C-alpha atoms as a PDB file:
ATOM      1  CA  UNK A   1      32.141  29.990 -36.544  1.00  0.00           C
ATOM      2  CA  UNK A   2      32.297  29.395 -40.111  1.00  0.00           C
ATOM      3  CA  UNK A   3      28.796  27.662 -41.675  1.00  0.00           C
ATOM      4  CA  UNK A   4      29.809  24.054 -43.095  1.00  0.00           C
ATOM      5  CA  UNK A   5      26.792  24.029 -45.059  1.00  0.00           C
ATOM      6  CA  UNK A   6      27.022  23.671 -48.466  1.00  0.00           C
ATOM      7  CA  UNK A   7      24.795  26.462 -49.624  1.00  0.00           C
ATOM      8  CA  UNK A   8      25.613  28.482 -52.290  1.00  0.00           C
ATOM      9  CA  UNK A   9      25.959  32.177 -51.866  1.00  0.00           C
ATOM     10  CA  UNK A  10      27.117  33.157 -55.202  1.00  0.00           C
ATOM     11  CA  UNK A  11      26.190  31.629 -59.165  1.00  0.00           C
ATOM     12  CA  UNK A  12      27.367  32.380 -62.465  1.00  0.00           C
ATOM     13  CA  UNK A  13      26.622  31.102 -65.744  1.00  0.00           C
ATOM     14  CA  UNK A  14      28.967  29.805 -68.271  1.00  0.00           C
ATOM     15  CA  UNK A  15      28.869  28.054 -71.874  1.00  0.00           C
ATOM     16  CA  UNK A  16      30.844  26.041 -74.313  1.00  0.00           C
ATOM     17  CA  UNK A  17      31.016  24.010 -77.371  1.00  0.00           C
ATOM     18  CA  UNK A  18      33.482  21.802 -78.432  1.00  0.00           C
ATOM     19  CA  UNK A  19      33.868  19.654 -81.377  1.00  0.00           C
ATOM     20  CA  UNK A  20      36.198  16.641 -81.740  1.00  0.00           C
ATOM     21  CA  UNK A  21      35.828  12.888 -83.699  1.00  0.00           C
ATOM     22  CA  UNK A  22      35.660  11.391 -79.892  1.00  0.00           C
ATOM     23  CA  UNK A  23      33.261  12.684 -77.059  1.00  0.00           C
ATOM     24  CA  UNK A  24      35.526  12.817 -74.363  1.00  0.00           C
ATOM     25  CA  UNK A  25      37.293  15.017 -75.972  1.00  0.00           C
ATOM     26  CA  UNK A  26      34.809  17.631 -77.226  1.00  0.00           C
ATOM     27  CA  UNK A  27      33.575  17.459 -73.800  1.00  0.00           C
ATOM     28  CA  UNK A  28      37.065  18.627 -72.178  1.00  0.00           C
ATOM     29  CA  UNK A  29      37.215  21.545 -75.443  1.00  0.00           C
ATOM     30  CA  UNK A  30      33.759  22.307 -73.944  1.00  0.00           C
ATOM     31  CA  UNK A  31      34.497  22.832 -70.554  1.00  0.00           C
ATOM     32  CA  UNK A  32      38.007  24.748 -71.712  1.00  0.00           C
ATOM     33  CA  UNK A  33      35.575  27.030 -73.850  1.00  0.00           C
ATOM     34  CA  UNK A  34      33.057  27.807 -70.622  1.00  0.00           C
ATOM     35  CA  UNK A  35      36.631  28.082 -68.318  1.00  0.00           C
ATOM     36  CA  UNK A  36      36.108  25.348 -65.822  1.00  0.00           C
ATOM     37  CA  UNK A  37      38.536  22.614 -67.437  1.00  0.00           C
ATOM     38  CA  UNK A  38      40.489  22.915 -64.523  1.00  0.00           C
ATOM     39  CA  UNK A  39      37.761  22.166 -61.675  1.00  0.00           C
ATOM     40  CA  UNK A  40      36.375  18.785 -60.191  1.00  0.00           C
ATOM     41  CA  UNK A  41      32.702  19.106 -61.193  1.00  0.00           C
ATOM     42  CA  UNK A  42      30.137  17.348 -59.237  1.00  0.00           C
ATOM     43  CA  UNK A  43      26.637  17.670 -60.994  1.00  0.00           C
ATOM     44  CA  UNK A  44      23.844  18.593 -58.862  1.00  0.00           C
ATOM     45  CA  UNK A  45      19.993  19.177 -59.365  1.00  0.00           C
ATOM     46  CA  UNK A  46      18.339  21.957 -59.924  1.00  0.00           C
ATOM     47  CA  UNK A  47      17.808  25.028 -56.683  1.00  0.00           C
ATOM     48  CA  UNK A  48      19.066  28.264 -56.610  1.00  0.00           C
ATOM     49  CA  UNK A  49      19.036  29.399 -52.638  1.00  0.00           C
ATOM     50  CA  UNK A  50      17.327  31.992 -51.390  1.00  0.00           C
ATOM     51  CA  UNK A  51      19.651  34.871 -51.716  1.00  0.00           C
ATOM     52  CA  UNK A  52      21.866  33.271 -53.377  1.00  0.00           C
ATOM     53  CA  UNK A  53      24.135  36.117 -55.961  1.00  0.00           C
ATOM     54  CA  UNK A  54      24.079  36.289 -59.487  1.00  0.00           C
ATOM     55  CA  UNK A  55      27.617  37.044 -60.473  1.00  0.00           C
ATOM     56  CA  UNK A  56      29.339  37.545 -63.690  1.00  0.00           C
ATOM     57  CA  UNK A  57      31.331  34.825 -65.309  1.00  0.00           C
ATOM     58  CA  UNK A  58      34.476  36.581 -65.280  1.00  0.00           C
ATOM     59  CA  UNK A  59      34.195  37.091 -61.360  1.00  0.00           C
ATOM     60  CA  UNK A  60      32.856  33.408 -61.424  1.00  0.00           C
ATOM     61  CA  UNK A  61      35.577  32.443 -62.871  1.00  0.00           C
ATOM     62  CA  UNK A  62      38.150  34.683 -61.046  1.00  0.00           C
ATOM     63  CA  UNK A  63      37.388  32.677 -57.755  1.00  0.00           C
ATOM     64  CA  UNK A  64      37.788  28.676 -58.839  1.00  0.00           C
ATOM     65  CA  UNK A  65      41.286  27.114 -58.358  1.00  0.00           C
ATOM     66  CA  UNK A  66      42.345  24.573 -60.111  1.00  0.00           C
ATOM     67  CA  UNK A  67      41.193  21.184 -58.391  1.00  0.00           C
ATOM     68  CA  UNK A  68      38.162  22.506 -56.707  1.00  0.00           C
ATOM     69  CA  UNK A  69      35.354  20.406 -56.053  1.00  0.00           C
ATOM     70  CA  UNK A  70      32.628  22.451 -57.930  1.00  0.00           C
ATOM     71  CA  UNK A  71      29.165  21.952 -58.275  1.00  0.00           C
ATOM     72  CA  UNK A  72      27.236  22.647 -61.667  1.00  0.00           C
ATOM     73  CA  UNK A  73      24.474  22.149 -63.104  1.00  0.00           C
ATOM     74  CA  UNK A  74      24.854  20.700 -66.517  1.00  0.00           C
ATOM     75  CA  UNK A  75      23.332  20.431 -69.636  1.00  0.00           C
ATOM     76  CA  UNK A  76      25.230  18.340 -72.469  1.00  0.00           C
ATOM     77  CA  UNK A  77      24.544  17.150 -75.684  1.00  0.00           C
ATOM     78  CA  UNK A  78      26.753  14.943 -78.200  1.00  0.00           C
ATOM     79  CA  UNK A  79      26.156  13.221 -81.616  1.00  0.00           C
ATOM     80  CA  UNK A  80      28.417  11.445 -83.898  1.00  0.00           C
ATOM     81  CA  UNK A  81      25.725  12.184 -86.613  1.00  0.00           C
ATOM     82  CA  UNK A  82      27.421  14.656 -89.361  1.00  0.00           C
ATOM     83  CA  UNK A  83      25.183  18.125 -89.373  1.00  0.00           C
ATOM     84  CA  UNK A  84      22.602  16.670 -86.528  1.00  0.00           C
ATOM     85  CA  UNK A  85      21.177  19.925 -85.069  1.00  0.00           C
ATOM     86  CA  UNK A  86      21.691  19.109 -81.223  1.00  0.00           C
ATOM     87  CA  UNK A  87      21.395  21.210 -78.109  1.00  0.00           C
ATOM     88  CA  UNK A  88      21.695  22.077 -74.506  1.00  0.00           C
ATOM     89  CA  UNK A  89      20.441  24.524 -72.408  1.00  0.00           C
ATOM     90  CA  UNK A  90      20.319  26.319 -68.682  1.00  0.00           C
ATOM     91  CA  UNK A  91      17.091  28.216 -67.706  1.00  0.00           C
ATOM     92  CA  UNK A  92      16.784  30.088 -64.461  1.00  0.00           C
ATOM     93  CA  UNK A  93      13.662  31.098 -62.689  1.00  0.00           C
ATOM     94  CA  UNK A  94      14.228  33.538 -59.446  1.00  0.00           C
ATOM     95  CA  UNK A  95      11.561  34.978 -57.252  1.00  0.00           C
ATOM     96  CA  UNK A  96      11.415  38.879 -57.242  1.00  0.00           C
ATOM     97  CA  UNK A  97      11.963  39.282 -53.425  1.00  0.00           C
ATOM     98  CA  UNK A  98      14.998  36.900 -53.472  1.00  0.00           C
ATOM     99  CA  UNK A  99      13.376  35.564 -50.153  1.00  0.00           C
ATOM    100  CA  UNK A 100      12.259  32.208 -51.488  1.00  0.00           C
ATOM    101  CA  UNK A 101      14.471  29.397 -53.661  1.00  0.00           C
ATOM    102  CA  UNK A 102      14.600  29.627 -57.285  1.00  0.00           C
ATOM    103  CA  UNK A 103      14.735  26.721 -59.832  1.00  0.00           C
ATOM    104  CA  UNK A 104      17.673  25.906 -62.306  1.00  0.00           C
ATOM    105  CA  UNK A 105      16.544  23.500 -65.489  1.00  0.00           C
ATOM    106  CA  UNK A 106      18.399  22.015 -68.002  1.00  0.00           C
ATOM    107  CA  UNK A 107      17.517  20.558 -71.182  1.00  0.00           C
ATOM    108  CA  UNK A 108      19.508  18.255 -73.705  1.00  0.00           C
ATOM    109  CA  UNK A 109      17.694  17.400 -77.025  1.00  0.00           C
ATOM    110  CA  UNK A 110      17.532  17.413 -80.426  1.00  0.00           C
ATOM    111  CA  UNK A 111      16.387  19.263 -83.700  1.00  0.00           C
ATOM    112  CA  UNK A 112      15.503  22.759 -81.711  1.00  0.00           C
ATOM    113  CA  UNK A 113      16.892  26.280 -82.749  1.00  0.00           C
ATOM    114  CA  UNK A 114      18.561  28.474 -80.364  1.00  0.00           C
ATOM    115  CA  UNK A 115      15.756  30.733 -79.207  1.00  0.00           C
ATOM    116  CA  UNK A 116      13.808  27.666 -78.889  1.00  0.00           C
ATOM    117  CA  UNK A 117      15.626  26.055 -76.824  1.00  0.00           C
ATOM    118  CA  UNK A 118      15.748  29.111 -74.520  1.00  0.00           C
ATOM    119  CA  UNK A 119      12.134  29.701 -74.614  1.00  0.00           C
ATOM    120  CA  UNK A 120      12.015  25.878 -73.267  1.00  0.00           C
ATOM    121  CA  UNK A 121      14.334  25.874 -70.535  1.00  0.00           C
ATOM    122  CA  UNK A 122      12.808  29.458 -69.478  1.00  0.00           C
ATOM    123  CA  UNK A 123       9.142  27.379 -69.519  1.00  0.00           C
ATOM    124  CA  UNK A 124      10.612  24.730 -67.471  1.00  0.00           C
ATOM    125  CA  UNK A 125      12.438  26.584 -64.778  1.00  0.00           C
ATOM    126  CA  UNK A 126       9.340  28.712 -64.348  1.00  0.00           C
ATOM    127  CA  UNK A 127       6.726  25.767 -63.893  1.00  0.00           C
END
């Protein structure tokens, strides 16, 4: 009998940046760069199920079909200010044994360079 619970067995990470004068079009361009533009995205919160396997971006994208409902933890930032430093990031805290669930954190903000943003989302997930 098929398990009908919506508990992910695999997860992958991807990213994309889109630049356009219209916010919606820049978001679409970012989805294209991330490879998930053909999916119907549903935002979920921050739990990585126990035993959920992290697969490569290529393997994860290969499994997606056009129109598929795809659950995502999404970090997103946008601005219409020229030269404004913005950033979004995802962090993961995964127990070493794999028998407990983990946390995925996301941050959306202004003024943080890439290294600082990466450190911040990792710290957020760990706490």
